[in-house]
PDB file of N, CA and C in Angstrom:
ATOM      1  N   MET A   1       0.822  -0.980  -0.040  1.00  0.00           N
ATOM      2  CA  MET A   1       0.017  -0.162   0.003  1.00  0.00           C
ATOM      3  C   MET A   1       0.817   1.247  -0.088  1.00  0.00           C
ATOM      4  N   ILE A   2       0.436   2.419  -0.793  1.00  0.00           N
ATOM      5  CA  ILE A   2       1.041   3.572  -0.762  1.00  0.00           C
ATOM      6  C   ILE A   2       0.279   4.547  -0.158  1.00  0.00           C
ATOM      7  N   TYR A   3       0.876   5.306   0.724  1.00  0.00           N
ATOM      8  CA  TYR A   3       0.056   6.565   1.368  1.00  0.00           C
ATOM      9  C   TYR A   3       0.092   7.738   0.528  1.00  0.00           C
ATOM     10  N   LEU A   4      -1.082   8.209   0.373  1.00  0.00           N
ATOM     11  CA  LEU A   4      -1.290   9.619  -0.395  1.00  0.00           C
ATOM     12  C   LEU A   4      -2.239  10.334   0.686  1.00  0.00           C
ATOM     13  N   PRO A   5      -1.974  11.692   0.850  1.00  0.00           N
ATOM     14  CA  PRO A   5      -3.093  12.571   1.702  1.00  0.00           C
ATOM     15  C   PRO A   5      -3.881  13.088   0.860  1.00  0.00           C
ATOM     16  N   ILE A   6      -4.691  12.158   0.220  1.00  0.00           N
ATOM     17  CA  ILE A   6      -6.081  12.430  -0.362  1.00  0.00           C
ATOM     18  C   ILE A   6      -7.317  11.823   0.067  1.00  0.00           C
ATOM     19  N   ASP A   7      -8.218  12.784   0.310  1.00  0.00           N
ATOM     20  CA  ASP A   7      -9.449  12.384   0.916  1.00  0.00           C
ATOM     21  C   ASP A   7     -10.387  11.586   0.137  1.00  0.00           C
ATOM     22  N   ASP A   8     -10.477  11.908  -1.106  1.00  0.00           N
ATOM     23  CA  ASP A   8     -11.450  10.945  -2.267  1.00  0.00           C
ATOM     24  C   ASP A   8     -10.233  10.866  -3.332  1.00  0.00           C
ATOM     25  N   PHE A   9     -10.244   9.547  -3.401  1.00  0.00           N
ATOM     26  CA  PHE A   9      -9.272   9.079  -4.624  1.00  0.00           C
ATOM     27  C   PHE A   9     -10.079   9.235  -6.068  1.00  0.00           C
ATOM     28  N   SER A  10     -11.355   9.400  -5.776  1.00  0.00           N
ATOM     29  CA  SER A  10     -12.249   9.364  -7.281  1.00  0.00           C
ATOM     30  C   SER A  10     -11.881  10.723  -7.871  1.00  0.00           C
ATOM     31  N   SER A  11     -11.222  11.568  -7.098  1.00  0.00           N
ATOM     32  CA  SER A  11     -11.073  13.138  -7.718  1.00  0.00           C
ATOM     33  C   SER A  11      -9.968  13.145  -8.553  1.00  0.00           C
ATOM     34  N   TYR A  12      -9.212  11.981  -8.722  1.00  0.00           N
ATOM     35  CA  TYR A  12      -8.235  11.874  -9.979  1.00  0.00           C
ATOM     36  C   TYR A  12      -8.583  10.782 -10.610  1.00  0.00           C
ATOM     37  N   THR A  13      -8.327  10.900 -11.776  1.00  0.00           N
ATOM     38  CA  THR A  13      -8.385   9.796 -12.813  1.00  0.00           C
ATOM     39  C   THR A  13      -7.202   8.827 -13.122  1.00  0.00           C
ATOM     40  N   CYS A  14      -6.204   9.123 -12.908  1.00  0.00           N
ATOM     41  CA  CYS A  14      -4.961   8.487 -13.143  1.00  0.00           C
ATOM     42  C   CYS A  14      -4.036   8.865 -12.069  1.00  0.00           C
ATOM     43  N   TYR A  15      -3.422   7.675 -11.535  1.00  0.00           N
ATOM     44  CA  TYR A  15      -2.246   7.739 -10.514  1.00  0.00           C
ATOM     45  C   TYR A  15      -0.829   7.041 -11.439  1.00  0.00           C
ATOM     46  N   TYR A  16       0.188   7.792 -11.287  1.00  0.00           N
ATOM     47  CA  TYR A  16       1.530   7.221 -12.037  1.00  0.00           C
ATOM     48  C   TYR A  16       2.734   7.476 -11.208  1.00  0.00           C
ATOM     49  N   VAL A  17       3.325   6.477 -11.099  1.00  0.00           N
ATOM     50  CA  VAL A  17       4.726   6.684 -10.406  1.00  0.00           C
ATOM     51  C   VAL A  17       5.804   7.288 -11.330  1.00  0.00           C
ATOM     52  N   TYR A  18       5.984   8.819 -10.950  1.00  0.00           N
ATOM     53  CA  TYR A  18       6.947   9.325 -11.785  1.00  0.00           C
ATOM     54  C   TYR A  18       7.972   9.146 -11.769  1.00  0.00           C
ATOM     55  N   ASP A  19       8.633   9.128 -10.567  1.00  0.00           N
ATOM     56  CA  ASP A  19      10.002   8.480 -10.200  1.00  0.00           C
ATOM     57  C   ASP A  19      10.085   7.932  -8.877  1.00  0.00           C
ATOM     58  N   LYS A  20      11.083   7.477  -8.267  1.00  0.00           N
ATOM     59  CA  LYS A  20      10.830   6.795  -6.970  1.00  0.00           C
ATOM     60  C   LYS A  20      10.678   7.693  -5.910  1.00  0.00           C
ATOM     61  N   ASP A  21      10.484   9.011  -6.033  1.00  0.00           N
ATOM     62  CA  ASP A  21      10.143   9.869  -4.916  1.00  0.00           C
ATOM     63  C   ASP A  21       8.621  10.725  -5.351  1.00  0.00           C
ATOM     64  N   THR A  22       8.443  10.478  -6.388  1.00  0.00           N
ATOM     65  CA  THR A  22       7.113  11.305  -6.836  1.00  0.00           C
ATOM     66  C   THR A  22       6.073  10.380  -7.360  1.00  0.00           C
ATOM     67  N   ILE A  23       4.817  10.627  -6.886  1.00  0.00           N
ATOM     68  CA  ILE A  23       3.525  10.088  -7.476  1.00  0.00           C
ATOM     69  C   ILE A  23       2.566  11.230  -8.282  1.00  0.00           C
ATOM     70  N   ARG A  24       2.394  11.048  -9.301  1.00  0.00           N
ATOM     71  CA  ARG A  24       1.819  11.999 -10.037  1.00  0.00           C
ATOM     72  C   ARG A  24       0.406  11.555 -10.201  1.00  0.00           C
ATOM     73  N   ALA A  25      -0.692  12.487  -9.887  1.00  0.00           N
ATOM     74  CA  ALA A  25      -2.171  12.183  -9.927  1.00  0.00           C
ATOM     75  C   ALA A  25      -2.673  13.031 -10.964  1.00  0.00           C
ATOM     76  N   TYR A  26      -3.149  12.468 -12.131  1.00  0.00           N
ATOM     77  CA  TYR A  26      -3.822  13.315 -13.058  1.00  0.00           C
ATOM     78  C   TYR A  26      -5.410  13.501 -12.858  1.00  0.00           C
ATOM     79  N   LYS A  27      -5.751  14.641 -13.163  1.00  0.00           N
ATOM     80  CA  LYS A  27      -7.288  15.131 -12.884  1.00  0.00           C
ATOM     81  C   LYS A  27      -8.089  14.555 -14.041  1.00  0.00           C
ATOM     82  N   THR A  28      -7.661  14.601 -15.213  1.00  0.00           N
ATOM     83  CA  THR A  28      -8.186  13.906 -16.517  1.00  0.00           C
ATOM     84  C   THR A  28      -7.158  12.803 -17.214  1.00  0.00           C
ATOM     85  N   THR A  29      -7.588  11.890 -17.752  1.00  0.00           N
ATOM     86  CA  THR A  29      -6.731  10.838 -18.090  1.00  0.00           C
ATOM     87  C   THR A  29      -6.072  11.186 -19.492  1.00  0.00           C
ATOM     88  N   PRO A  30      -4.664  11.256 -19.145  1.00  0.00           N
ATOM     89  CA  PRO A  30      -3.736  11.603 -20.439  1.00  0.00           C
ATOM     90  C   PRO A  30      -4.073  10.827 -21.576  1.00  0.00           C
ATOM     91  N   GLN A  31      -4.383  11.993 -22.836  1.00  0.00           N
ATOM     92  CA  GLN A  31      -4.420  11.186 -24.185  1.00  0.00           C
ATOM     93  C   GLN A  31      -3.605  12.368 -24.983  1.00  0.00           C
ATOM     94  N   ASN A  32      -3.353  11.539 -26.106  1.00  0.00           N
ATOM     95  CA  ASN A  32      -2.327  12.221 -27.086  1.00  0.00           C
ATOM     96  C   ASN A  32      -3.095  13.420 -27.705  1.00  0.00           C
ATOM     97  N   ASN A  33      -2.215  14.534 -27.998  1.00  0.00           N
ATOM     98  CA  ASN A  33      -2.472  15.864 -28.206  1.00  0.00           C
ATOM     99  C   ASN A  33      -3.601  16.530 -27.503  1.00  0.00           C
ATOM    100  N   SER A  34      -3.200  16.511 -26.144  1.00  0.00           N
ATOM    101  CA  SER A  34      -4.131  17.231 -25.096  1.00  0.00           C
ATOM    102  C   SER A  34      -3.260  17.670 -24.122  1.00  0.00           C
ATOM    103  N   SER A  35      -3.783  18.213 -23.100  1.00  0.00           N
ATOM    104  CA  SER A  35      -3.212  18.588 -21.807  1.00  0.00           C
ATOM    105  C   SER A  35      -3.895  18.238 -20.808  1.00  0.00           C
ATOM    106  N   SER A  36      -3.147  17.712 -19.605  1.00  0.00           N
ATOM    107  CA  SER A  36      -3.760  17.258 -18.266  1.00  0.00           C
ATOM    108  C   SER A  36      -3.246  17.788 -16.997  1.00  0.00           C
ATOM    109  N   ASP A  37      -4.258  18.283 -16.157  1.00  0.00           N
ATOM    110  CA  ASP A  37      -3.568  18.810 -14.968  1.00  0.00           C
ATOM    111  C   ASP A  37      -3.180  17.900 -14.098  1.00  0.00           C
ATOM    112  N   TYR A  38      -2.314  18.062 -13.166  1.00  0.00           N
ATOM    113  CA  TYR A  38      -1.895  17.049 -12.507  1.00  0.00           C
ATOM    114  C   TYR A  38      -1.333  17.626 -11.018  1.00  0.00           C
ATOM    115  N   ASP A  39      -1.179  16.774  -9.970  1.00  0.00           N
ATOM    116  CA  ASP A  39      -0.601  17.070  -8.591  1.00  0.00           C
ATOM    117  C   ASP A  39       0.472  16.048  -8.549  1.00  0.00           C
ATOM    118  N   ASP A  40       1.663  16.666  -8.223  1.00  0.00           N
ATOM    119  CA  ASP A  40       2.769  15.657  -7.834  1.00  0.00           C
ATOM    120  C   ASP A  40       2.660  15.531  -6.249  1.00  0.00           C
ATOM    121  N   TYR A  41       2.869  14.594  -5.673  1.00  0.00           N
ATOM    122  CA  TYR A  41       3.012  13.910  -4.318  1.00  0.00           C
ATOM    123  C   TYR A  41       4.286  13.585  -3.985  1.00  0.00           C
ATOM    124  N   TYR A  42       5.208  14.271  -3.249  1.00  0.00           N
ATOM    125  CA  TYR A  42       6.606  13.927  -2.968  1.00  0.00           C
ATOM    126  C   TYR A  42       6.654  12.926  -1.598  1.00  0.00           C
ATOM    127  N   ILE A  43       6.550  11.618  -1.953  1.00  0.00           N
ATOM    128  CA  ILE A  43       6.482  10.985  -0.810  1.00  0.00           C
ATOM    129  C   ILE A  43       7.707  10.709   0.105  1.00  0.00           C
ATOM    130  N   ASN A  44       8.972  11.124  -0.172  1.00  0.00           N
ATOM    131  CA  ASN A  44       9.857  11.403   0.758  1.00  0.00           C
ATOM    132  C   ASN A  44      10.237  12.475   1.089  1.00  0.00           C
ATOM    133  N   SER A  45       9.540  13.644   0.806  1.00  0.00           N
ATOM    134  CA  SER A  45       9.471  14.887   1.455  1.00  0.00           C
ATOM    135  C   SER A  45       8.320  15.346   2.070  1.00  0.00           C
ATOM    136  N   HIS A  46       7.845  14.489   2.968  1.00  0.00           N
ATOM    137  CA  HIS A  46       6.719  14.858   3.817  1.00  0.00           C
ATOM    138  C   HIS A  46       5.466  15.127   2.958  1.00  0.00           C
ATOM    139  N   TYR A  47       5.272  14.620   1.809  1.00  0.00           N
ATOM    140  CA  TYR A  47       4.208  14.723   1.024  1.00  0.00           C
ATOM    141  C   TYR A  47       3.674  16.005   0.673  1.00  0.00           C
ATOM    142  N   LEU A  48       4.712  16.602   0.201  1.00  0.00           N
ATOM    143  CA  LEU A  48       4.449  17.989  -0.534  1.00  0.00           C
ATOM    144  C   LEU A  48       3.971  17.844  -1.688  1.00  0.00           C
ATOM    145  N   LYS A  49       3.013  18.891  -2.067  1.00  0.00           N
ATOM    146  CA  LYS A  49       2.277  18.676  -3.241  1.00  0.00           C
ATOM    147  C   LYS A  49       2.610  19.944  -4.140  1.00  0.00           C
ATOM    148  N   LYS A  50       2.789  19.609  -5.525  1.00  0.00           N
ATOM    149  CA  LYS A  50       2.860  20.629  -6.411  1.00  0.00           C
ATOM    150  C   LYS A  50       2.214  20.361  -7.632  1.00  0.00           C
ATOM    151  N   SER A  51       1.526  21.303  -8.084  1.00  0.00           N
ATOM    152  CA  SER A  51       0.337  21.287  -9.267  1.00  0.00           C
ATOM    153  C   SER A  51       1.132  21.785 -10.454  1.00  0.00           C
ATOM    154  N   GLY A  52       0.624  21.182 -11.547  1.00  0.00           N
ATOM    155  CA  GLY A  52       1.063  21.665 -13.010  1.00  0.00           C
ATOM    156  C   GLY A  52       0.094  21.098 -13.975  1.00  0.00           C
ATOM    157  N   VAL A  53       0.767  21.478 -15.302  1.00  0.00           N
ATOM    158  CA  VAL A  53      -0.012  20.862 -16.508  1.00  0.00           C
ATOM    159  C   VAL A  53       1.033  20.271 -17.254  1.00  0.00           C
ATOM    160  N   GLN A  54       0.430  19.078 -17.868  1.00  0.00           N
ATOM    161  CA  GLN A  54       1.621  18.376 -18.684  1.00  0.00           C
ATOM    162  C   GLN A  54       0.868  18.223 -20.041  1.00  0.00           C
ATOM    163  N   THR A  55       1.591  18.497 -21.078  1.00  0.00           N
ATOM    164  CA  THR A  55       1.039  18.456 -22.656  1.00  0.00           C
ATOM    165  C   THR A  55       1.538  17.128 -23.152  1.00  0.00           C
ATOM    166  N   PHE A  56       0.723  16.596 -23.805  1.00  0.00           N
ATOM    167  CA  PHE A  56       1.031  15.188 -24.607  1.00  0.00           C
ATOM    168  C   PHE A  56       0.916  15.497 -26.001  1.00  0.00           C
ATOM    169  N   GLY A  57       1.923  15.457 -26.782  1.00  0.00           N
ATOM    170  CA  GLY A  57       1.986  15.441 -28.466  1.00  0.00           C
ATOM    171  C   GLY A  57       1.461  14.110 -28.936  1.00  0.00           C
ATOM    172  N   GLN A  58       1.587  14.223 -30.291  1.00  0.00           N
ATOM    173  CA  GLN A  58       1.289  13.015 -31.137  1.00  0.00           C
ATOM    174  C   GLN A  58       2.085  11.869 -30.851  1.00  0.00           C
ATOM    175  N   PHE A  59       3.290  12.120 -30.518  1.00  0.00           N
ATOM    176  CA  PHE A  59       4.251  10.956 -30.441  1.00  0.00           C
ATOM    177  C   PHE A  59       4.530  10.721 -28.840  1.00  0.00           C
ATOM    178  N   SER A  60       4.035  11.224 -28.083  1.00  0.00           N
ATOM    179  CA  SER A  60       4.298  11.228 -26.575  1.00  0.00           C
ATOM    180  C   SER A  60       3.836   9.912 -26.172  1.00  0.00           C
ATOM    181  N   THR A  61       4.749   9.284 -25.236  1.00  0.00           N
ATOM    182  CA  THR A  61       4.481   8.016 -24.508  1.00  0.00           C
ATOM    183  C   THR A  61       3.568   8.565 -23.214  1.00  0.00           C
ATOM    184  N   LEU A  62       2.311   8.014 -23.360  1.00  0.00           N
ATOM    185  CA  LEU A  62       1.251   8.075 -22.273  1.00  0.00           C
ATOM    186  C   LEU A  62       1.773   7.234 -20.956  1.00  0.00           C
ATOM    187  N   PRO A  63       1.428   7.889 -19.827  1.00  0.00           N
ATOM    188  CA  PRO A  63       1.739   7.079 -18.662  1.00  0.00           C
ATOM    189  C   PRO A  63       0.788   5.992 -18.652  1.00  0.00           C
ATOM    190  N   THR A  64       1.274   4.814 -17.899  1.00  0.00           N
ATOM    191  CA  THR A  64       0.443   3.839 -17.476  1.00  0.00           C
ATOM    192  C   THR A  64       0.031   3.892 -16.114  1.00  0.00           C
ATOM    193  N   CYS A  65      -1.455   4.159 -15.935  1.00  0.00           N
ATOM    194  CA  CYS A  65      -1.959   4.373 -14.729  1.00  0.00           C
ATOM    195  C   CYS A  65      -1.984   3.150 -14.025  1.00  0.00           C
ATOM    196  N   MET A  66      -1.701   3.337 -12.565  1.00  0.00           N
ATOM    197  CA  MET A  66      -1.619   2.381 -11.497  1.00  0.00           C
ATOM    198  C   MET A  66      -3.067   1.953 -10.959  1.00  0.00           C
ATOM    199  N   ASN A  67      -3.246   1.101 -10.400  1.00  0.00           N
ATOM    200  CA  ASN A  67      -4.601   0.716  -9.730  1.00  0.00           C
ATOM    201  C   ASN A  67      -4.813   1.482  -8.488  1.00  0.00           C
ATOM    202  N   SER A  68      -5.962   2.308  -8.428  1.00  0.00           N
ATOM    203  CA  SER A  68      -5.966   3.141  -7.208  1.00  0.00           C
ATOM    204  C   SER A  68      -6.106   2.187  -5.984  1.00  0.00           C
ATOM    205  N   THR A  69      -6.646   0.986  -6.130  1.00  0.00           N
ATOM    206  CA  THR A  69      -6.815   0.054  -4.956  1.00  0.00           C
ATOM    207  C   THR A  69      -5.492  -0.288  -4.202  1.00  0.00           C
ATOM    208  N   SER A  70      -4.291   0.148  -4.891  1.00  0.00           N
ATOM    209  CA  SER A  70      -2.867   0.127  -3.871  1.00  0.00           C
ATOM    210  C   SER A  70      -2.664   1.380  -3.264  1.00  0.00           C
ATOM    211  N   LEU A  71      -3.512   2.289  -3.376  1.00  0.00           N
ATOM    212  CA  LEU A  71      -3.383   3.560  -2.650  1.00  0.00           C
ATOM    213  C   LEU A  71      -4.208   3.624  -1.445  1.00  0.00           C
ATOM    214  N   THR A  72      -3.564   4.220  -0.426  1.00  0.00           N
ATOM    215  CA  THR A  72      -4.579   4.555   0.790  1.00  0.00           C
ATOM    216  C   THR A  72      -4.256   5.875   1.485  1.00  0.00           C
ATOM    217  N   ASN A  73      -5.199   6.204   2.219  1.00  0.00           N
ATOM    218  CA  ASN A  73      -5.079   7.606   3.215  1.00  0.00           C
ATOM    219  C   ASN A  73      -4.914   7.208   4.730  1.00  0.00           C
ATOM    220  N   GLU A  74      -4.543   5.736   4.711  1.00  0.00           N
ATOM    221  CA  GLU A  74      -4.516   5.430   6.456  1.00  0.00           C
ATOM    222  C   GLU A  74      -3.168   6.127   6.696  1.00  0.00           C
ATOM    223  N   VAL A  75      -3.252   6.750   7.952  1.00  0.00           N
ATOM    224  CA  VAL A  75      -2.044   7.528   8.454  1.00  0.00           C
ATOM    225  C   VAL A  75      -0.815   6.562   8.798  1.00  0.00           C
ATOM    226  N   TYR A  76      -1.260   5.277   9.123  1.00  0.00           N
ATOM    227  CA  TYR A  76      -0.303   4.084   9.488  1.00  0.00           C
ATOM    228  C   TYR A  76       0.662   3.600   8.516  1.00  0.00           C
ATOM    229  N   TYR A  77       0.453   4.023   6.830  1.00  0.00           N
ATOM    230  CA  TYR A  77       1.332   3.769   5.944  1.00  0.00           C
ATOM    231  C   TYR A  77       2.320   4.884   5.487  1.00  0.00           C
ATOM    232  N   ARG A  78       2.117   5.964   6.318  1.00  0.00           N
ATOM    233  CA  ARG A  78       3.282   7.082   6.233  1.00  0.00           C
ATOM    234  C   ARG A  78       4.714   6.662   6.089  1.00  0.00           C
ATOM    235  N   ASN A  79       5.540   7.029   5.399  1.00  0.00           N
ATOM    236  CA  ASN A  79       6.754   6.738   5.527  1.00  0.00           C
ATOM    237  C   ASN A  79       7.742   7.555   6.332  1.00  0.00           C
ATOM    238  N   ASP A  80       7.064   8.560   6.957  1.00  0.00           N
ATOM    239  CA  ASP A  80       7.788   9.463   7.669  1.00  0.00           C
ATOM    240  C   ASP A  80       7.278   9.616   9.036  1.00  0.00           C
ATOM    241  N   MET A  81       6.825   8.432   9.255  1.00  0.00           N
ATOM    242  CA  MET A  81       6.311   8.390  10.830  1.00  0.00           C
ATOM    243  C   MET A  81       7.297   8.437  11.976  1.00  0.00           C
ATOM    244  N   PRO A  82       8.672   7.718  11.616  1.00  0.00           N
ATOM    245  CA  PRO A  82       9.710   8.000  12.657  1.00  0.00           C
ATOM    246  C   PRO A  82      10.117   9.470  13.053  1.00  0.00           C
ATOM    247  N   SER A  83      10.309  10.366  11.968  1.00  0.00           N
ATOM    248  CA  SER A  83      10.409  11.773  12.145  1.00  0.00           C
ATOM    249  C   SER A  83       9.418  12.384  12.900  1.00  0.00           C
ATOM    250  N   ILE A  84       8.095  12.122  12.421  1.00  0.00           N
ATOM    251  CA  ILE A  84       6.990  12.872  13.300  1.00  0.00           C
ATOM    252  C   ILE A  84       7.156  12.476  14.574  1.00  0.00           C
ATOM    253  N   LEU A  85       7.315  11.238  15.220  1.00  0.00           N
ATOM    254  CA  LEU A  85       7.412  10.604  16.488  1.00  0.00           C
ATOM    255  C   LEU A  85       8.546  11.352  17.036  1.00  0.00           C
ATOM    256  N   LEU A  86       9.529  11.622  16.418  1.00  0.00           N
ATOM    257  CA  LEU A  86      10.970  12.242  17.106  1.00  0.00           C
ATOM    258  C   LEU A  86      10.449  13.736  17.366  1.00  0.00           C
ATOM    259  N   MET A  87       9.910  14.158  16.439  1.00  0.00           N
ATOM    260  CA  MET A  87       9.477  15.782  16.810  1.00  0.00           C
ATOM    261  C   MET A  87       8.709  15.976  17.911  1.00  0.00           C
ATOM    262  N   PHE A  88       7.665  14.965  17.816  1.00  0.00           N
ATOM    263  CA  PHE A  88       6.509  14.707  19.031  1.00  0.00           C
ATOM    264  C   PHE A  88       7.268  14.649  20.536  1.00  0.00           C
ATOM    265  N   LEU A  89       8.477  13.837  20.601  1.00  0.00           N
ATOM    266  CA  LEU A  89       9.262  13.436  21.749  1.00  0.00           C
ATOM    267  C   LEU A  89       9.844  14.674  22.205  1.00  0.00           C
ATOM    268  N   ILE A  90      10.485  15.515  21.084  1.00  0.00           N
ATOM    269  CA  ILE A  90      11.167  16.677  21.378  1.00  0.00           C
ATOM    270  C   ILE A  90      10.455  17.678  21.902  1.00  0.00           C
ATOM    271  N   ILE A  91       9.212  18.042  21.309  1.00  0.00           N
ATOM    272  CA  ILE A  91       8.154  18.840  21.861  1.00  0.00           C
ATOM    273  C   ILE A  91       7.815  18.503  23.401  1.00  0.00           C
ATOM    274  N   CYS A  92       7.549  17.307  23.551  1.00  0.00           N
ATOM    275  CA  CYS A  92       7.111  16.726  24.786  1.00  0.00           C
ATOM    276  C   CYS A  92       8.146  17.188  25.733  1.00  0.00           C
ATOM    277  N   ILE A  93       9.379  16.998  25.468  1.00  0.00           N
ATOM    278  CA  ILE A  93      10.393  17.207  26.671  1.00  0.00           C
ATOM    279  C   ILE A  93      10.513  18.647  26.904  1.00  0.00           C
ATOM    280  N   PHE A  94      10.263  19.422  25.819  1.00  0.00           N
ATOM    281  CA  PHE A  94      10.494  20.900  26.145  1.00  0.00           C
ATOM    282  C   PHE A  94       9.210  21.713  26.803  1.00  0.00           C
ATOM    283  N   ALA A  95       7.985  21.015  26.544  1.00  0.00           N
ATOM    284  CA  ALA A  95       6.756  21.480  27.039  1.00  0.00           C
ATOM    285  C   ALA A  95       6.303  21.089  28.439  1.00  0.00           C
ATOM    286  N   PHE A  96       6.956  19.875  28.742  1.00  0.00           N
ATOM    287  CA  PHE A  96       6.638  19.181  29.994  1.00  0.00           C
ATOM    288  C   PHE A  96       7.789  18.920  30.840  1.00  0.00           C
ATOM    289  N   TYR A  97       8.840  18.185  30.494  1.00  0.00           N
ATOM    290  CA  TYR A  97       9.852  17.864  31.188  1.00  0.00           C
ATOM    291  C   TYR A  97      10.700  18.961  31.950  1.00  0.00           C
ATOM    292  N   ILE A  98      11.012  19.994  31.213  1.00  0.00           N
ATOM    293  CA  ILE A  98      11.772  21.061  31.459  1.00  0.00           C
ATOM    294  C   ILE A  98      11.157  21.901  32.329  1.00  0.00           C
ATOM    295  N   PRO A  99       9.816  22.562  32.142  1.00  0.00           N
ATOM    296  CA  PRO A  99       9.006  23.165  33.134  1.00  0.00           C
ATOM    297  C   PRO A  99       8.792  22.459  34.302  1.00  0.00           C
ATOM    298  N   PHE A 100       8.473  21.274  34.389  1.00  0.00           N
ATOM    299  CA  PHE A 100       8.326  20.356  35.397  1.00  0.00           C
ATOM    300  C   PHE A 100       9.766  20.530  36.357  1.00  0.00           C
ATOM    301  N   ASN A 101      10.811  20.410  35.872  1.00  0.00           N
ATOM    302  CA  ASN A 101      12.040  20.325  36.639  1.00  0.00           C
ATOM    303  C   ASN A 101      12.493  21.746  37.238  1.00  0.00           C
ATOM    304  N   ILE A 102      11.993  22.655  36.570  1.00  0.00           N
ATOM    305  CA  ILE A 102      12.038  23.970  37.096  1.00  0.00           C
ATOM    306  C   ILE A 102      11.251  24.278  38.156  1.00  0.00           C
ATOM    307  N   VAL A 103      10.017  23.846  37.937  1.00  0.00           N
ATOM    308  CA  VAL A 103       9.090  24.112  38.994  1.00  0.00           C
ATOM    309  C   VAL A 103       9.230  23.124  40.349  1.00  0.00           C
ATOM    310  N   LYS A 104       9.926  22.117  40.226  1.00  0.00           N
ATOM    311  CA  LYS A 104      10.241  21.134  41.097  1.00  0.00           C
ATOM    312  C   LYS A 104      11.442  21.713  42.027  1.00  0.00           C
ATOM    313  N   ARG A 105      12.477  22.361  41.271  1.00  0.00           N
ATOM    314  CA  ARG A 105      13.540  22.880  41.915  1.00  0.00           C
ATOM    315  C   ARG A 105      13.331  24.218  42.831  1.00  0.00           C
ATOM    316  N   PHE A 106      12.375  24.871  42.138  1.00  0.00           N
ATOM    317  CA  PHE A 106      11.736  26.234  42.727  1.00  0.00           C
ATOM    318  C   PHE A 106      11.017  25.742  44.271  1.00  0.00           C
ATOM    319  N   PHE A 107      10.334  24.480  44.128  1.00  0.00           N
ATOM    320  CA  PHE A 107       9.510  24.480  45.490  1.00  0.00           C
ATOM    321  C   PHE A 107      10.182  23.395  46.543  1.00  0.00           C
ATOM    322  N   LYS A 108      11.611  23.041  45.995  1.00  0.00           N
ATOM    323  CA  LYS A 108      12.411  22.222  46.883  1.00  0.00           C
ATOM    324  C   LYS A 108      12.850  22.555  48.125  1.00  0.00           C
ATOM    325  N   LYS A 109      12.654  21.720  49.101  1.00  0.00           N
ATOM    326  CA  LYS A 109      13.021  22.109  50.618  1.00  0.00           C
ATOM    327  C   LYS A 109      14.511  22.536  50.707  1.00  0.00           C
ATOM    328  N   VAL A 110      14.810  23.296  51.622  1.00  0.00           N
ATOM    329  CA  VAL A 110      16.199  23.620  51.758  1.00  0.00           C
ATOM    330  C   VAL A 110      16.877  22.617  52.749  1.00  0.00           C
TER     331      VAL A 110
END
C-alpha cells in the first residue's frame, strides 16, 4: 500500500509513479494531443504537493496508470512516521519535562 494524503481518490482519474520519490495524480486521463492537469506528491519529502499541467503530443508516451486500490489514506502507512514521532518527543520534553524540573527545584526544601 502507498500512502497519499488525498481524501477522495475518485477526484483523480490516473495515478502514475513518476519517479522513485514522486507519484503524479492526473485530474483527467492523459491522451495524445491534449493537456492534463496533475498534482505531484513527493512521498519522501513529507508529502509535499505541487500542481502543474502536462501536454502530450502526437508521439508522446502516455503514462501507465496504476490501480487506485493500491493507494490508501490511512496514516499508518506514512513513511515519515519516525521523524513525526521524534519531533513529538522533542516537543514533549520542552513542553513538560523542563518546566516540571524548574518548578520542582523552585519548591524544593532547603
